[in-house]
């Protein structure tokens, strides 16, 4: 039986997969792993992007959305490196790295 969470995740991730079946398989694999990190990542990405999109519609628009994206980037890096000392992290360098690395043009 599918839950509302599974339906929401499937709808959110579906554009990134060839079909609904592959999307559901990906989500199920993340939930079945003994390591909870993949499940946390797919849930957090869904939540953070959905909130960011909603923020862009309301008052403040792009400024609020950009602040939210910075928070998202920091959260994702923290999920990937949970044992690091957050006080010693070069936060600005991390954000620059993210935009340089993951927003490259495909031209």
PDB file of N, CA and C in Angstrom:
ATOM      1  N   UNK A   1       0.840  -1.180   0.000  1.00  0.00           N
ATOM      2  CA  UNK A   1       0.000   0.000   0.000  1.00  0.00           C
ATOM      3  C   UNK A   1       0.889   1.249   0.000  1.00  0.00           C
ATOM      4  N   UNK A   2       0.599   2.176  -0.883  1.00  0.00           N
ATOM      5  CA  UNK A   2       1.380   3.407  -0.972  1.00  0.00           C
ATOM      6  C   UNK A   2       0.844   4.446  -0.006  1.00  0.00           C
ATOM      7  N   UNK A   3       1.754   5.215   0.539  1.00  0.00           N
ATOM      8  CA  UNK A   3       1.361   6.269   1.468  1.00  0.00           C
ATOM      9  C   UNK A   3       1.373   7.615   0.761  1.00  0.00           C
ATOM     10  N   UNK A   4       0.850   8.632   1.428  1.00  0.00           N
ATOM     11  CA  UNK A   4       0.869   9.988   0.871  1.00  0.00           C
ATOM     12  C   UNK A   4       2.295  10.464   0.657  1.00  0.00           C
ATOM     13  N   UNK A   5       3.201  10.102   1.574  1.00  0.00           N
ATOM     14  CA  UNK A   5       4.604  10.494   1.440  1.00  0.00           C
ATOM     15  C   UNK A   5       5.195   9.888   0.172  1.00  0.00           C
ATOM     16  N   UNK A   6       4.945   8.618  -0.068  1.00  0.00           N
ATOM     17  CA  UNK A   6       5.452   7.967  -1.285  1.00  0.00           C
ATOM     18  C   UNK A   6       4.883   8.627  -2.541  1.00  0.00           C
ATOM     19  N   UNK A   7       3.606   8.970  -2.494  1.00  0.00           N
ATOM     20  CA  UNK A   7       2.980   9.642  -3.645  1.00  0.00           C
ATOM     21  C   UNK A   7       3.614  11.011  -3.891  1.00  0.00           C
ATOM     22  N   UNK A   8       3.849  11.763  -2.816  1.00  0.00           N
ATOM     23  CA  UNK A   8       4.477  13.083  -2.949  1.00  0.00           C
ATOM     24  C   UNK A   8       5.891  12.970  -3.493  1.00  0.00           C
ATOM     25  N   UNK A   9       6.667  12.030  -2.959  1.00  0.00           N
ATOM     26  CA  UNK A   9       8.044  11.850  -3.428  1.00  0.00           C
ATOM     27  C   UNK A   9       8.070  11.400  -4.884  1.00  0.00           C
ATOM     28  N   UNK A  10       7.171  10.511  -5.246  1.00  0.00           N
ATOM     29  CA  UNK A  10       7.111  10.029  -6.628  1.00  0.00           C
ATOM     30  C   UNK A  10       6.805  11.190  -7.571  1.00  0.00           C
ATOM     31  N   UNK A  11       5.837  12.004  -7.229  1.00  0.00           N
ATOM     32  CA  UNK A  11       5.475  13.150  -8.064  1.00  0.00           C
ATOM     33  C   UNK A  11       6.650  14.132  -8.175  1.00  0.00           C
ATOM     34  N   UNK A  12       7.348  14.348  -7.060  1.00  0.00           N
ATOM     35  CA  UNK A  12       8.465  15.296  -7.042  1.00  0.00           C
ATOM     36  C   UNK A  12       9.645  14.812  -7.888  1.00  0.00           C
ATOM     37  N   UNK A  13      10.023  13.529  -7.746  1.00  0.00           N
ATOM     38  CA  UNK A  13      11.217  12.997  -8.416  1.00  0.00           C
ATOM     39  C   UNK A  13      10.952  12.470  -9.826  1.00  0.00           C
ATOM     40  N   UNK A  14       9.703  12.294 -10.198  1.00  0.00           N
ATOM     41  CA  UNK A  14       9.359  11.694 -11.484  1.00  0.00           C
ATOM     42  C   UNK A  14       9.997  12.383 -12.702  1.00  0.00           C
ATOM     43  N   UNK A  15      10.116  13.716 -12.733  1.00  0.00           N
ATOM     44  CA  UNK A  15      10.737  14.347 -13.910  1.00  0.00           C
ATOM     45  C   UNK A  15      12.199  13.938 -14.137  1.00  0.00           C
ATOM     46  N   UNK A  16      12.838  13.362 -13.130  1.00  0.00           N
ATOM     47  CA  UNK A  16      14.249  13.004 -13.227  1.00  0.00           C
ATOM     48  C   UNK A  16      14.484  11.544 -13.620  1.00  0.00           C
ATOM     49  N   UNK A  17      13.402  10.813 -13.867  1.00  0.00           N
ATOM     50  CA  UNK A  17      13.500   9.397 -14.231  1.00  0.00           C
ATOM     51  C   UNK A  17      12.693   9.148 -15.502  1.00  0.00           C
ATOM     52  N   UNK A  18      13.040   8.086 -16.238  1.00  0.00           N
ATOM     53  CA  UNK A  18      12.336   7.793 -17.495  1.00  0.00           C
ATOM     54  C   UNK A  18      10.843   7.497 -17.319  1.00  0.00           C
ATOM     55  N   UNK A  19      10.480   6.875 -16.191  1.00  0.00           N
ATOM     56  CA  UNK A  19       9.068   6.545 -15.985  1.00  0.00           C
ATOM     57  C   UNK A  19       8.760   6.414 -14.499  1.00  0.00           C
ATOM     58  N   UNK A  20       7.475   6.275 -14.203  1.00  0.00           N
ATOM     59  CA  UNK A  20       6.987   6.187 -12.831  1.00  0.00           C
ATOM     60  C   UNK A  20       7.574   4.987 -12.100  1.00  0.00           C
ATOM     61  N   UNK A  21       7.717   3.867 -12.779  1.00  0.00           N
ATOM     62  CA  UNK A  21       8.218   2.650 -12.140  1.00  0.00           C
ATOM     63  C   UNK A  21       9.652   2.848 -11.632  1.00  0.00           C
ATOM     64  N   UNK A  22      10.506   3.454 -12.450  1.00  0.00           N
ATOM     65  CA  UNK A  22      11.890   3.689 -12.025  1.00  0.00           C
ATOM     66  C   UNK A  22      11.952   4.676 -10.873  1.00  0.00           C
ATOM     67  N   UNK A  23      11.081   5.666 -10.901  1.00  0.00           N
ATOM     68  CA  UNK A  23      11.025   6.630  -9.798  1.00  0.00           C
ATOM     69  C   UNK A  23      10.677   5.912  -8.502  1.00  0.00           C
ATOM     70  N   UNK A  24       9.650   5.097  -8.534  1.00  0.00           N
ATOM     71  CA  UNK A  24       9.223   4.357  -7.334  1.00  0.00           C
ATOM     72  C   UNK A  24      10.295   3.391  -6.861  1.00  0.00           C
ATOM     73  N   UNK A  25      10.985   2.730  -7.795  1.00  0.00           N
ATOM     74  CA  UNK A  25      12.067   1.814  -7.412  1.00  0.00           C
ATOM     75  C   UNK A  25      13.180   2.555  -6.683  1.00  0.00           C
ATOM     76  N   UNK A  26      13.537   3.738  -7.191  1.00  0.00           N
ATOM     77  CA  UNK A  26      14.568   4.552  -6.552  1.00  0.00           C
ATOM     78  C   UNK A  26      14.177   4.903  -5.120  1.00  0.00           C
ATOM     79  N   UNK A  27      12.949   5.371  -4.943  1.00  0.00           N
ATOM     80  CA  UNK A  27      12.468   5.770  -3.617  1.00  0.00           C
ATOM     81  C   UNK A  27      12.427   4.568  -2.681  1.00  0.00           C
ATOM     82  N   UNK A  28      11.924   3.442  -3.171  1.00  0.00           N
ATOM     83  CA  UNK A  28      11.855   2.234  -2.348  1.00  0.00           C
ATOM     84  C   UNK A  28      13.246   1.770  -1.917  1.00  0.00           C
ATOM     85  N   UNK A  29      14.218   1.823  -2.827  1.00  0.00           N
ATOM     86  CA  UNK A  29      15.593   1.431  -2.479  1.00  0.00           C
ATOM     87  C   UNK A  29      16.155   2.330  -1.386  1.00  0.00           C
ATOM     88  N   UNK A  30      15.889   3.624  -1.481  1.00  0.00           N
ATOM     89  CA  UNK A  30      16.370   4.551  -0.458  1.00  0.00           C
ATOM     90  C   UNK A  30      15.759   4.235   0.904  1.00  0.00           C
ATOM     91  N   UNK A  31      14.494   3.851   0.914  1.00  0.00           N
ATOM     92  CA  UNK A  31      13.813   3.544   2.166  1.00  0.00           C
ATOM     93  C   UNK A  31      14.196   2.172   2.728  1.00  0.00           C
ATOM     94  N   UNK A  32      14.615   1.255   1.881  1.00  0.00           N
ATOM     95  CA  UNK A  32      14.943  -0.100   2.333  1.00  0.00           C
ATOM     96  C   UNK A  32      16.376  -0.251   2.839  1.00  0.00           C
ATOM     97  N   UNK A  33      17.240   0.705   2.558  1.00  0.00           N
ATOM     98  CA  UNK A  33      18.641   0.600   2.957  1.00  0.00           C
ATOM     99  C   UNK A  33      18.768   0.666   4.474  1.00  0.00           C
ATOM    100  N   UNK A  34      19.748  -0.068   5.012  1.00  0.00           N
ATOM    101  CA  UNK A  34      19.954  -0.044   6.458  1.00  0.00           C
ATOM    102  C   UNK A  34      20.536   1.297   6.907  1.00  0.00           C
ATOM    103  N   UNK A  35      21.296   1.943   6.040  1.00  0.00           N
ATOM    104  CA  UNK A  35      21.824   3.276   6.328  1.00  0.00           C
ATOM    105  C   UNK A  35      20.697   4.286   6.065  1.00  0.00           C
ATOM    106  N   UNK A  36      20.317   5.090   7.061  1.00  0.00           N
ATOM    107  CA  UNK A  36      19.199   6.014   6.871  1.00  0.00           C
ATOM    108  C   UNK A  36      19.543   7.262   6.039  1.00  0.00           C
ATOM    109  N   UNK A  37      20.806   7.475   5.715  1.00  0.00           N
ATOM    110  CA  UNK A  37      21.213   8.688   5.010  1.00  0.00           C
ATOM    111  C   UNK A  37      20.513   8.891   3.663  1.00  0.00           C
ATOM    112  N   UNK A  38      20.414   7.892   2.773  1.00  0.00           N
ATOM    113  CA  UNK A  38      19.705   8.116   1.507  1.00  0.00           C
ATOM    114  C   UNK A  38      18.242   8.537   1.701  1.00  0.00           C
ATOM    115  N   UNK A  39      17.571   7.926   2.657  1.00  0.00           N
ATOM    116  CA  UNK A  39      16.175   8.284   2.940  1.00  0.00           C
ATOM    117  C   UNK A  39      16.098   9.726   3.435  1.00  0.00           C
ATOM    118  N   UNK A  40      17.005  10.100   4.335  1.00  0.00           N
ATOM    119  CA  UNK A  40      17.012  11.475   4.844  1.00  0.00           C
ATOM    120  C   UNK A  40      17.264  12.471   3.719  1.00  0.00           C
ATOM    121  N   UNK A  41      18.181  12.132   2.839  1.00  0.00           N
ATOM    122  CA  UNK A  41      18.517  13.053   1.753  1.00  0.00           C
ATOM    123  C   UNK A  41      17.332  13.257   0.819  1.00  0.00           C
ATOM    124  N   UNK A  42      16.679  12.180   0.382  1.00  0.00           N
ATOM    125  CA  UNK A  42      15.557  12.375  -0.552  1.00  0.00           C
ATOM    126  C   UNK A  42      14.402  13.113   0.124  1.00  0.00           C
ATOM    127  N   UNK A  43      14.181  12.864   1.412  1.00  0.00           N
ATOM    128  CA  UNK A  43      13.116  13.581   2.121  1.00  0.00           C
ATOM    129  C   UNK A  43      13.467  15.058   2.286  1.00  0.00           C
ATOM    130  N   UNK A  44      14.712  15.338   2.688  1.00  0.00           N
ATOM    131  CA  UNK A  44      15.112  16.735   2.892  1.00  0.00           C
ATOM    132  C   UNK A  44      15.143  17.520   1.591  1.00  0.00           C
ATOM    133  N   UNK A  45      15.640  16.924   0.530  1.00  0.00           N
ATOM    134  CA  UNK A  45      15.658  17.625  -0.757  1.00  0.00           C
ATOM    135  C   UNK A  45      14.234  17.982  -1.162  1.00  0.00           C
ATOM    136  N   UNK A  46      13.320  17.046  -1.032  1.00  0.00           N
ATOM    137  CA  UNK A  46      11.918  17.302  -1.369  1.00  0.00           C
ATOM    138  C   UNK A  46      11.357  18.443  -0.525  1.00  0.00           C
ATOM    139  N   UNK A  47      11.547  18.373   0.780  1.00  0.00           N
ATOM    140  CA  UNK A  47      11.016  19.405   1.671  1.00  0.00           C
ATOM    141  C   UNK A  47      11.616  20.777   1.369  1.00  0.00           C
ATOM    142  N   UNK A  48      12.933  20.823   1.274  1.00  0.00           N
ATOM    143  CA  UNK A  48      13.615  22.099   1.104  1.00  0.00           C
ATOM    144  C   UNK A  48      13.272  22.764  -0.229  1.00  0.00           C
ATOM    145  N   UNK A  49      13.251  22.001  -1.306  1.00  0.00           N
ATOM    146  CA  UNK A  49      12.923  22.580  -2.611  1.00  0.00           C
ATOM    147  C   UNK A  49      11.457  23.018  -2.649  1.00  0.00           C
ATOM    148  N   UNK A  50      10.574  22.229  -2.089  1.00  0.00           N
ATOM    149  CA  UNK A  50       9.153  22.597  -2.066  1.00  0.00           C
ATOM    150  C   UNK A  50       8.927  23.892  -1.291  1.00  0.00           C
ATOM    151  N   UNK A  51       9.595  24.034  -0.148  1.00  0.00           N
ATOM    152  CA  UNK A  51       9.472  25.253   0.649  1.00  0.00           C
ATOM    153  C   UNK A  51      10.056  26.442  -0.114  1.00  0.00           C
ATOM    154  N   UNK A  52      11.194  26.232  -0.778  1.00  0.00           N
ATOM    155  CA  UNK A  52      11.819  27.298  -1.555  1.00  0.00           C
ATOM    156  C   UNK A  52      10.935  27.781  -2.682  1.00  0.00           C
ATOM    157  N   UNK A  53      10.290  26.861  -3.355  1.00  0.00           N
ATOM    158  CA  UNK A  53       9.379  27.240  -4.438  1.00  0.00           C
ATOM    159  C   UNK A  53       8.187  28.020  -3.894  1.00  0.00           C
ATOM    160  N   UNK A  54       7.675  27.606  -2.751  1.00  0.00           N
ATOM    161  CA  UNK A  54       6.552  28.318  -2.142  1.00  0.00           C
ATOM    162  C   UNK A  54       6.985  29.707  -1.674  1.00  0.00           C
ATOM    163  N   UNK A  55       8.211  29.838  -1.173  1.00  0.00           N
ATOM    164  CA  UNK A  55       8.714  31.132  -0.701  1.00  0.00           C
ATOM    165  C   UNK A  55       8.825  32.135  -1.838  1.00  0.00           C
ATOM    166  N   UNK A  56       9.161  31.667  -3.027  1.00  0.00           N
ATOM    167  CA  UNK A  56       9.321  32.569  -4.170  1.00  0.00           C
ATOM    168  C   UNK A  56       7.994  33.206  -4.578  1.00  0.00           C
ATOM    169  N   UNK A  57       6.902  32.561  -4.257  1.00  0.00           N
ATOM    170  CA  UNK A  57       5.582  33.059  -4.628  1.00  0.00           C
ATOM    171  C   UNK A  57       5.120  34.163  -3.677  1.00  0.00           C
ATOM    172  N   UNK A  58       5.509  34.039  -2.403  1.00  0.00           N
ATOM    173  CA  UNK A  58       5.052  34.988  -1.391  1.00  0.00           C
ATOM    174  C   UNK A  58       5.835  36.290  -1.392  1.00  0.00           C
ATOM    175  N   UNK A  59       5.640  37.089  -0.362  1.00  0.00           N
ATOM    176  CA  UNK A  59       6.355  38.372  -0.222  1.00  0.00           C
ATOM    177  C   UNK A  59       7.846  38.128  -0.081  1.00  0.00           C
ATOM    178  N   UNK A  60       8.628  38.971  -0.659  1.00  0.00           N
ATOM    179  CA  UNK A  60      10.072  38.843  -0.566  1.00  0.00           C
ATOM    180  C   UNK A  60      10.669  38.137  -1.754  1.00  0.00           C
ATOM    181  N   UNK A  61       9.876  37.305  -2.392  1.00  0.00           N
ATOM    182  CA  UNK A  61      10.252  36.621  -3.624  1.00  0.00           C
ATOM    183  C   UNK A  61      11.651  36.062  -3.680  1.00  0.00           C
ATOM    184  N   UNK A  62      12.458  36.591  -4.600  1.00  0.00           N
ATOM    185  CA  UNK A  62      13.762  36.009  -4.892  1.00  0.00           C
ATOM    186  C   UNK A  62      14.745  36.107  -3.730  1.00  0.00           C
ATOM    187  N   UNK A  63      14.682  37.159  -2.935  1.00  0.00           N
ATOM    188  CA  UNK A  63      15.583  37.294  -1.789  1.00  0.00           C
ATOM    189  C   UNK A  63      15.375  36.177  -0.785  1.00  0.00           C
ATOM    190  N   UNK A  64      14.123  35.908  -0.485  1.00  0.00           N
ATOM    191  CA  UNK A  64      13.804  34.822   0.448  1.00  0.00           C
ATOM    192  C   UNK A  64      14.190  33.483  -0.164  1.00  0.00           C
ATOM    193  N   UNK A  65      13.939  33.329  -1.454  1.00  0.00           N
ATOM    194  CA  UNK A  65      14.278  32.078  -2.122  1.00  0.00           C
ATOM    195  C   UNK A  65      15.795  31.842  -2.091  1.00  0.00           C
ATOM    196  N   UNK A  66      16.587  32.872  -2.341  1.00  0.00           N
ATOM    197  CA  UNK A  66      18.053  32.716  -2.323  1.00  0.00           C
ATOM    198  C   UNK A  66      18.537  32.366  -0.925  1.00  0.00           C
ATOM    199  N   UNK A  67      17.996  33.041   0.095  1.00  0.00           N
ATOM    200  CA  UNK A  67      18.379  32.713   1.468  1.00  0.00           C
ATOM    201  C   UNK A  67      18.032  31.256   1.767  1.00  0.00           C
ATOM    202  N   UNK A  68      16.888  30.829   1.286  1.00  0.00           N
ATOM    203  CA  UNK A  68      16.468  29.444   1.507  1.00  0.00           C
ATOM    204  C   UNK A  68      17.405  28.466   0.793  1.00  0.00           C
ATOM    205  N   UNK A  69      17.821  28.800  -0.435  1.00  0.00           N
ATOM    206  CA  UNK A  69      18.744  27.920  -1.155  1.00  0.00           C
ATOM    207  C   UNK A  69      20.073  27.791  -0.420  1.00  0.00           C
ATOM    208  N   UNK A  70      20.555  28.871   0.173  1.00  0.00           N
ATOM    209  CA  UNK A  70      21.802  28.814   0.947  1.00  0.00           C
ATOM    210  C   UNK A  70      21.629  27.867   2.133  1.00  0.00           C
ATOM    211  N   UNK A  71      20.493  27.968   2.805  1.00  0.00           N
ATOM    212  CA  UNK A  71      20.204  27.057   3.926  1.00  0.00           C
ATOM    213  C   UNK A  71      20.149  25.619   3.431  1.00  0.00           C
ATOM    214  N   UNK A  72      19.548  25.394   2.271  1.00  0.00           N
ATOM    215  CA  UNK A  72      19.463  24.054   1.682  1.00  0.00           C
ATOM    216  C   UNK A  72      20.855  23.498   1.398  1.00  0.00           C
ATOM    217  N   UNK A  73      21.711  24.316   0.806  1.00  0.00           N
ATOM    218  CA  UNK A  73      23.067  23.880   0.469  1.00  0.00           C
ATOM    219  C   UNK A  73      23.806  23.477   1.740  1.00  0.00           C
ATOM    220  N   UNK A  74      23.710  24.301   2.769  1.00  0.00           N
ATOM    221  CA  UNK A  74      24.371  23.984   4.036  1.00  0.00           C
ATOM    222  C   UNK A  74      23.816  22.694   4.635  1.00  0.00           C
ATOM    223  N   UNK A  75      22.507  22.508   4.562  1.00  0.00           N
ATOM    224  CA  UNK A  75      21.889  21.297   5.116  1.00  0.00           C
ATOM    225  C   UNK A  75      22.352  20.047   4.381  1.00  0.00           C
ATOM    226  N   UNK A  76      22.437  20.130   3.056  1.00  0.00           N
ATOM    227  CA  UNK A  76      22.867  18.964   2.273  1.00  0.00           C
ATOM    228  C   UNK A  76      24.323  18.620   2.583  1.00  0.00           C
ATOM    229  N   UNK A  77      25.187  19.627   2.651  1.00  0.00           N
ATOM    230  CA  UNK A  77      26.585  19.358   2.996  1.00  0.00           C
ATOM    231  C   UNK A  77      26.696  18.761   4.396  1.00  0.00           C
ATOM    232  N   UNK A  78      25.874  19.243   5.320  1.00  0.00           N
ATOM    233  CA  UNK A  78      25.913  18.682   6.676  1.00  0.00           C
ATOM    234  C   UNK A  78      25.424  17.236   6.693  1.00  0.00           C
ATOM    235  N   UNK A  79      24.400  16.935   5.890  1.00  0.00           N
ATOM    236  CA  UNK A  79      23.937  15.544   5.804  1.00  0.00           C
ATOM    237  C   UNK A  79      25.042  14.623   5.287  1.00  0.00           C
ATOM    238  N   UNK A  80      25.824  15.121   4.342  1.00  0.00           N
ATOM    239  CA  UNK A  80      26.887  14.309   3.753  1.00  0.00           C
ATOM    240  C   UNK A  80      28.117  14.213   4.650  1.00  0.00           C
ATOM    241  N   UNK A  81      28.265  15.158   5.590  1.00  0.00           N
ATOM    242  CA  UNK A  81      29.427  15.185   6.490  1.00  0.00           C
ATOM    243  C   UNK A  81      28.960  15.425   7.922  1.00  0.00           C
ATOM    244  N   UNK A  82      28.214  14.491   8.507  1.00  0.00           N
ATOM    245  CA  UNK A  82      27.592  14.739   9.811  1.00  0.00           C
ATOM    246  C   UNK A  82      28.578  14.888  10.974  1.00  0.00           C
ATOM    247  N   UNK A  83      29.813  14.411  10.830  1.00  0.00           N
ATOM    248  CA  UNK A  83      30.762  14.460  11.936  1.00  0.00           C
ATOM    249  C   UNK A  83      31.658  15.693  11.946  1.00  0.00           C
ATOM    250  N   UNK A  84      31.520  16.556  10.955  1.00  0.00           N
ATOM    251  CA  UNK A  84      32.404  17.718  10.887  1.00  0.00           C
ATOM    252  C   UNK A  84      32.047  18.759  11.946  1.00  0.00           C
ATOM    253  N   UNK A  85      33.048  19.541  12.317  1.00  0.00           N
ATOM    254  CA  UNK A  85      32.860  20.618  13.281  1.00  0.00           C
ATOM    255  C   UNK A  85      32.317  21.825  12.528  1.00  0.00           C
ATOM    256  N   UNK A  86      31.055  22.130  12.726  1.00  0.00           N
ATOM    257  CA  UNK A  86      30.370  23.177  11.973  1.00  0.00           C
ATOM    258  C   UNK A  86      31.015  24.542  12.195  1.00  0.00           C
ATOM    259  N   UNK A  87      31.665  24.739  13.335  1.00  0.00           N
ATOM    260  CA  UNK A  87      32.313  26.019  13.629  1.00  0.00           C
ATOM    261  C   UNK A  87      33.555  26.245  12.770  1.00  0.00           C
ATOM    262  N   UNK A  88      34.149  25.181  12.248  1.00  0.00           N
ATOM    263  CA  UNK A  88      35.381  25.286  11.464  1.00  0.00           C
ATOM    264  C   UNK A  88      35.145  25.216   9.954  1.00  0.00           C
ATOM    265  N   UNK A  89      33.897  25.148   9.547  1.00  0.00           N
ATOM    266  CA  UNK A  89      33.559  25.007   8.129  1.00  0.00           C
ATOM    267  C   UNK A  89      33.630  26.363   7.431  1.00  0.00           C
ATOM    268  N   UNK A  90      34.208  26.386   6.250  1.00  0.00           N
ATOM    269  CA  UNK A  90      34.220  27.586   5.414  1.00  0.00           C
ATOM    270  C   UNK A  90      32.881  27.641   4.689  1.00  0.00           C
ATOM    271  N   UNK A  91      31.915  28.276   5.308  1.00  0.00           N
ATOM    272  CA  UNK A  91      30.545  28.273   4.780  1.00  0.00           C
ATOM    273  C   UNK A  91      30.440  29.000   3.450  1.00  0.00           C
ATOM    274  N   UNK A  92      31.095  30.124   3.317  1.00  0.00           N
ATOM    275  CA  UNK A  92      31.053  30.854   2.058  1.00  0.00           C
ATOM    276  C   UNK A  92      31.716  30.046   0.943  1.00  0.00           C
ATOM    277  N   UNK A  93      32.841  29.414   1.253  1.00  0.00           N
ATOM    278  CA  UNK A  93      33.523  28.573   0.274  1.00  0.00           C
ATOM    279  C   UNK A  93      32.653  27.415  -0.178  1.00  0.00           C
ATOM    280  N   UNK A  94      31.909  26.869   0.724  1.00  0.00           N
ATOM    281  CA  UNK A  94      31.016  25.755   0.420  1.00  0.00           C
ATOM    282  C   UNK A  94      29.905  26.185  -0.538  1.00  0.00           C
ATOM    283  N   UNK A  95      29.347  27.337  -0.287  1.00  0.00           N
ATOM    284  CA  UNK A  95      28.266  27.848  -1.134  1.00  0.00           C
ATOM    285  C   UNK A  95      28.813  28.179  -2.528  1.00  0.00           C
ATOM    286  N   UNK A  96      29.990  28.818  -2.578  1.00  0.00           N
ATOM    287  CA  UNK A  96      30.621  29.105  -3.870  1.00  0.00           C
ATOM    288  C   UNK A  96      30.882  27.809  -4.634  1.00  0.00           C
ATOM    289  N   UNK A  97      31.423  26.806  -3.930  1.00  0.00           N
ATOM    290  CA  UNK A  97      31.704  25.512  -4.551  1.00  0.00           C
ATOM    291  C   UNK A  97      30.426  24.929  -5.148  1.00  0.00           C
ATOM    292  N   UNK A  98      29.345  24.962  -4.379  1.00  0.00           N
ATOM    293  CA  UNK A  98      28.083  24.396  -4.855  1.00  0.00           C
ATOM    294  C   UNK A  98      27.655  25.051  -6.158  1.00  0.00           C
ATOM    295  N   UNK A  99      27.633  26.370  -6.194  1.00  0.00           N
ATOM    296  CA  UNK A  99      27.164  27.063  -7.400  1.00  0.00           C
ATOM    297  C   UNK A  99      28.132  26.878  -8.566  1.00  0.00           C
ATOM    298  N   UNK A 100      29.432  26.867  -8.294  1.00  0.00           N
ATOM    299  CA  UNK A 100      30.402  26.649  -9.365  1.00  0.00           C
ATOM    300  C   UNK A 100      30.301  25.237  -9.929  1.00  0.00           C
ATOM    301  N   UNK A 101      30.106  24.273  -9.065  1.00  0.00           N
ATOM    302  CA  UNK A 101      30.118  22.867  -9.459  1.00  0.00           C
ATOM    303  C   UNK A 101      28.792  22.397 -10.040  1.00  0.00           C
ATOM    304  N   UNK A 102      27.687  22.832  -9.476  1.00  0.00           N
ATOM    305  CA  UNK A 102      26.397  22.250  -9.829  1.00  0.00           C
ATOM    306  C   UNK A 102      25.494  23.149 -10.656  1.00  0.00           C
ATOM    307  N   UNK A 103      25.965  24.305 -11.042  1.00  0.00           N
ATOM    308  CA  UNK A 103      25.146  25.150 -11.913  1.00  0.00           C
ATOM    309  C   UNK A 103      25.875  25.480 -13.206  1.00  0.00           C
ATOM    310  N   UNK A 104      26.812  24.620 -13.567  1.00  0.00           N
ATOM    311  CA  UNK A 104      27.556  24.814 -14.817  1.00  0.00           C
ATOM    312  C   UNK A 104      26.619  24.686 -15.999  1.00  0.00           C
ATOM    313  N   UNK A 105      26.884  25.486 -16.995  1.00  0.00           N
ATOM    314  CA  UNK A 105      26.103  25.424 -18.233  1.00  0.00           C
ATOM    315  C   UNK A 105      26.418  24.121 -18.965  1.00  0.00           C
ATOM    316  N   UNK A 106      25.439  23.572 -19.623  1.00  0.00           N
ATOM    317  CA  UNK A 106      25.650  22.319 -20.394  1.00  0.00           C
ATOM    318  C   UNK A 106      25.955  22.626 -21.842  1.00  0.00           C
ATOM    319  N   UNK A 107      26.204  23.886 -22.165  1.00  0.00           N
ATOM    320  CA  UNK A 107      26.514  24.263 -23.557  1.00  0.00           C
ATOM    321  C   UNK A 107      27.859  23.776 -23.966  1.00  0.00           C
TER     322      UNK A 107
END
